[in-house]
Amino acid sequence: MKHHSELFNLVLPLLSERAIVIFDDTPKSISNIISEVDAERAKSYLLKNKEMPGKGTLVIKDHPFQILFWEYACILRKRAD
């Protein structure tokens, strides 16, 4: 998560106004995880950190993007400044 957030922060200034970005492996809830093993890992992470694990989790949390779709993957639109 941290690595993806750091990489995203590098390209963020290059994104055009209202750019659309997609992150896979960013479940919105435990019910969006098919694998029982992954669901148990996610539950453990959620209890410890109070947020779902995922590649786009910190981007959603730290940046004012409009969420266009979010189940297991998420599609975000950069808000106009």
N, C-alpha and C. Protein backbone atom coordinates (compact mmCIF):
# COMPACT_ATOMS: atom_id res chain seq x y z
N MET A 1 0.83 -1.19 0.00
CA MET A 1 0.00 0.00 0.00
C MET A 1 0.87 1.26 0.00
N LYS A 2 1.84 1.26 0.89
CA LYS A 2 2.70 2.43 1.00
C LYS A 2 3.49 2.64 -0.30
N HIS A 3 3.99 1.55 -0.85
CA HIS A 3 4.76 1.64 -2.09
C HIS A 3 3.91 2.21 -3.23
N HIS A 4 2.68 1.72 -3.37
CA HIS A 4 1.80 2.22 -4.42
C HIS A 4 1.44 3.69 -4.20
N SER A 5 1.25 4.07 -2.96
CA SER A 5 0.95 5.46 -2.66
C SER A 5 2.14 6.36 -3.01
N GLU A 6 3.34 5.91 -2.68
CA GLU A 6 4.54 6.68 -3.01
C GLU A 6 4.71 6.83 -4.52
N LEU A 7 4.49 5.74 -5.26
CA LEU A 7 4.58 5.82 -6.72
C LEU A 7 3.51 6.74 -7.29
N PHE A 8 2.31 6.63 -6.75
CA PHE A 8 1.22 7.48 -7.22
C PHE A 8 1.54 8.96 -6.99
N ASN A 9 2.12 9.27 -5.85
CA ASN A 9 2.46 10.66 -5.54
C ASN A 9 3.49 11.22 -6.51
N LEU A 10 4.31 10.35 -7.10
CA LEU A 10 5.28 10.80 -8.10
C LEU A 10 4.59 11.24 -9.39
N VAL A 11 3.53 10.55 -9.78
CA VAL A 11 2.86 10.88 -11.05
C VAL A 11 1.69 11.84 -10.87
N LEU A 12 1.22 12.02 -9.66
CA LEU A 12 0.07 12.89 -9.41
C LEU A 12 0.20 14.27 -10.05
N PRO A 13 1.35 14.95 -9.95
CA PRO A 13 1.45 16.27 -10.57
C PRO A 13 1.36 16.24 -12.10
N LEU A 14 1.55 15.07 -12.69
CA LEU A 14 1.51 14.95 -14.14
C LEU A 14 0.10 14.65 -14.67
N LEU A 15 -0.81 14.29 -13.78
CA LEU A 15 -2.16 13.95 -14.20
C LEU A 15 -2.92 15.20 -14.61
N SER A 16 -3.63 15.09 -15.70
CA SER A 16 -4.45 16.21 -16.15
C SER A 16 -5.67 16.36 -15.23
N GLU A 17 -6.27 17.52 -15.30
CA GLU A 17 -7.48 17.78 -14.54
C GLU A 17 -8.53 16.75 -14.93
N ARG A 18 -9.15 16.15 -13.94
CA ARG A 18 -10.20 15.14 -14.11
C ARG A 18 -9.70 13.84 -14.73
N ALA A 19 -8.40 13.55 -14.59
CA ALA A 19 -7.84 12.27 -15.06
C ALA A 19 -8.51 11.12 -14.32
N ILE A 20 -8.58 9.99 -14.96
CA ILE A 20 -9.15 8.79 -14.36
C ILE A 20 -8.02 7.80 -14.09
N VAL A 21 -7.99 7.26 -12.88
CA VAL A 21 -7.00 6.26 -12.50
C VAL A 21 -7.71 5.02 -11.98
N ILE A 22 -7.07 3.88 -12.17
CA ILE A 22 -7.65 2.60 -11.76
C ILE A 22 -6.64 1.86 -10.90
N PHE A 23 -7.10 1.34 -9.79
CA PHE A 23 -6.28 0.50 -8.92
C PHE A 23 -6.97 -0.85 -8.79
N ASP A 24 -6.22 -1.92 -9.03
CA ASP A 24 -6.77 -3.24 -8.74
C ASP A 24 -6.39 -3.59 -7.30
N ASP A 25 -6.85 -4.71 -6.83
CA ASP A 25 -6.51 -5.19 -5.48
C ASP A 25 -6.74 -4.13 -4.40
N THR A 26 -7.90 -3.51 -4.43
CA THR A 26 -8.27 -2.51 -3.43
C THR A 26 -9.70 -2.79 -2.98
N PRO A 27 -9.90 -3.87 -2.22
CA PRO A 27 -11.26 -4.22 -1.83
C PRO A 27 -11.89 -3.17 -0.92
N LYS A 28 -13.15 -2.89 -1.19
CA LYS A 28 -13.89 -1.94 -0.37
C LYS A 28 -14.29 -2.56 0.97
N SER A 29 -14.57 -3.86 0.94
CA SER A 29 -14.96 -4.55 2.17
C SER A 29 -14.54 -6.02 2.08
N ILE A 30 -14.63 -6.70 3.18
CA ILE A 30 -14.28 -8.12 3.23
C ILE A 30 -15.14 -8.91 2.25
N SER A 31 -16.37 -8.52 2.08
CA SER A 31 -17.28 -9.26 1.18
C SER A 31 -16.84 -9.21 -0.28
N ASN A 32 -15.94 -8.28 -0.63
CA ASN A 32 -15.44 -8.20 -2.00
C ASN A 32 -14.24 -9.12 -2.25
N ILE A 33 -13.82 -9.86 -1.24
CA ILE A 33 -12.66 -10.74 -1.36
C ILE A 33 -13.14 -12.18 -1.50
N ILE A 34 -12.75 -12.84 -2.58
CA ILE A 34 -13.22 -14.19 -2.88
C ILE A 34 -12.47 -15.25 -2.07
N SER A 35 -11.17 -15.15 -2.03
CA SER A 35 -10.34 -16.15 -1.35
C SER A 35 -10.51 -16.07 0.16
N GLU A 36 -10.77 -17.23 0.79
CA GLU A 36 -10.93 -17.24 2.24
C GLU A 36 -9.64 -16.86 2.95
N VAL A 37 -8.50 -17.29 2.41
CA VAL A 37 -7.21 -16.96 3.00
C VAL A 37 -6.98 -15.45 2.95
N ASP A 38 -7.24 -14.85 1.78
CA ASP A 38 -7.08 -13.40 1.65
C ASP A 38 -8.06 -12.64 2.52
N ALA A 39 -9.27 -13.16 2.65
CA ALA A 39 -10.28 -12.50 3.49
C ALA A 39 -9.84 -12.50 4.95
N GLU A 40 -9.26 -13.60 5.41
CA GLU A 40 -8.77 -13.66 6.79
C GLU A 40 -7.62 -12.70 7.00
N ARG A 41 -6.72 -12.60 6.03
CA ARG A 41 -5.62 -11.64 6.13
C ARG A 41 -6.15 -10.21 6.18
N ALA A 42 -7.13 -9.94 5.33
CA ALA A 42 -7.71 -8.60 5.29
C ALA A 42 -8.41 -8.27 6.60
N LYS A 43 -9.12 -9.23 7.18
CA LYS A 43 -9.79 -9.01 8.47
C LYS A 43 -8.77 -8.66 9.54
N SER A 44 -7.67 -9.40 9.56
CA SER A 44 -6.62 -9.14 10.53
C SER A 44 -6.03 -7.73 10.35
N TYR A 45 -5.77 -7.36 9.10
CA TYR A 45 -5.23 -6.04 8.81
C TYR A 45 -6.22 -4.95 9.22
N LEU A 46 -7.49 -5.16 8.88
CA LEU A 46 -8.54 -4.19 9.19
C LEU A 46 -8.66 -3.96 10.70
N LEU A 47 -8.64 -5.03 11.47
CA LEU A 47 -8.73 -4.91 12.93
C LEU A 47 -7.54 -4.13 13.50
N LYS A 48 -6.37 -4.38 12.95
CA LYS A 48 -5.16 -3.73 13.46
C LYS A 48 -5.04 -2.28 13.01
N ASN A 49 -5.42 -1.98 11.76
CA ASN A 49 -5.16 -0.67 11.17
C ASN A 49 -6.39 0.20 10.93
N LYS A 50 -7.56 -0.34 11.17
CA LYS A 50 -8.82 0.41 11.01
C LYS A 50 -9.07 0.88 9.58
N GLU A 51 -8.49 0.17 8.60
CA GLU A 51 -8.75 0.44 7.19
C GLU A 51 -8.51 -0.84 6.42
N MET A 52 -9.17 -0.97 5.29
CA MET A 52 -8.98 -2.14 4.44
C MET A 52 -7.61 -2.06 3.76
N PRO A 53 -6.97 -3.20 3.56
CA PRO A 53 -5.72 -3.19 2.81
C PRO A 53 -6.00 -3.07 1.32
N GLY A 54 -5.04 -2.58 0.58
CA GLY A 54 -5.20 -2.53 -0.88
C GLY A 54 -4.29 -1.50 -1.50
N LYS A 55 -4.00 -1.70 -2.77
CA LYS A 55 -3.08 -0.83 -3.49
C LYS A 55 -3.54 0.62 -3.53
N GLY A 56 -4.82 0.85 -3.64
CA GLY A 56 -5.33 2.21 -3.76
C GLY A 56 -5.86 2.81 -2.47
N THR A 57 -5.80 2.06 -1.37
CA THR A 57 -6.39 2.52 -0.12
C THR A 57 -5.85 3.87 0.34
N LEU A 58 -4.55 4.04 0.33
CA LEU A 58 -3.97 5.30 0.81
C LEU A 58 -4.24 6.45 -0.15
N VAL A 59 -4.36 6.15 -1.43
CA VAL A 59 -4.70 7.19 -2.41
C VAL A 59 -6.12 7.70 -2.13
N ILE A 60 -7.04 6.77 -1.92
CA ILE A 60 -8.42 7.16 -1.61
C ILE A 60 -8.46 7.98 -0.33
N LYS A 61 -7.68 7.55 0.65
CA LYS A 61 -7.68 8.21 1.95
C LYS A 61 -7.01 9.60 1.91
N ASP A 62 -5.95 9.73 1.13
CA ASP A 62 -5.12 10.94 1.18
C ASP A 62 -5.39 11.98 0.10
N HIS A 63 -6.19 11.64 -0.90
CA HIS A 63 -6.39 12.57 -2.02
C HIS A 63 -7.87 12.74 -2.31
N PRO A 64 -8.27 13.92 -2.71
CA PRO A 64 -9.69 14.19 -2.97
C PRO A 64 -10.13 13.73 -4.36
N PHE A 65 -10.17 12.42 -4.56
CA PHE A 65 -10.63 11.88 -5.83
C PHE A 65 -12.10 11.52 -5.74
N GLN A 66 -12.79 11.66 -6.82
CA GLN A 66 -14.18 11.20 -6.90
C GLN A 66 -14.14 9.70 -7.16
N ILE A 67 -14.86 8.93 -6.38
CA ILE A 67 -14.90 7.49 -6.58
C ILE A 67 -16.00 7.18 -7.59
N LEU A 68 -15.60 6.65 -8.74
CA LEU A 68 -16.56 6.30 -9.78
C LEU A 68 -17.06 4.87 -9.63
N PHE A 69 -16.18 4.00 -9.13
CA PHE A 69 -16.51 2.59 -8.93
C PHE A 69 -15.56 2.05 -7.87
N TRP A 70 -16.09 1.20 -6.97
CA TRP A 70 -15.21 0.59 -5.98
C TRP A 70 -15.86 -0.66 -5.43
N GLU A 71 -15.31 -1.78 -5.80
CA GLU A 71 -15.67 -3.07 -5.20
C GLU A 71 -14.37 -3.76 -4.84
N TYR A 72 -13.77 -4.51 -5.79
CA TYR A 72 -12.44 -5.06 -5.54
C TYR A 72 -11.38 -4.17 -6.18
N ALA A 73 -11.68 -3.66 -7.33
CA ALA A 73 -10.86 -2.62 -7.96
C ALA A 73 -11.57 -1.29 -7.72
N CYS A 74 -10.85 -0.20 -7.96
CA CYS A 74 -11.51 1.09 -7.83
C CYS A 74 -11.12 1.97 -9.02
N ILE A 75 -12.06 2.78 -9.43
CA ILE A 75 -11.85 3.74 -10.51
C ILE A 75 -12.10 5.11 -9.91
N LEU A 76 -11.09 5.96 -10.01
CA LEU A 76 -11.14 7.28 -9.39
C LEU A 76 -10.97 8.37 -10.44
N ARG A 77 -11.60 9.50 -10.23
CA ARG A 77 -11.42 10.66 -11.10
C ARG A 77 -10.83 11.80 -10.28
N LYS A 78 -9.78 12.38 -10.80
CA LYS A 78 -9.16 13.53 -10.14
C LYS A 78 -10.15 14.69 -10.19
N ARG A 79 -10.32 15.32 -9.07
CA ARG A 79 -11.23 16.46 -8.99
C ARG A 79 -10.54 17.70 -9.56
N ALA A 80 -11.31 18.53 -10.19
CA ALA A 80 -10.78 19.79 -10.72
C ALA A 80 -10.33 20.66 -9.56
N ASP A 81 -9.20 21.30 -9.69
CA ASP A 81 -8.68 22.17 -8.62
C ASP A 81 -9.49 23.41 -8.46
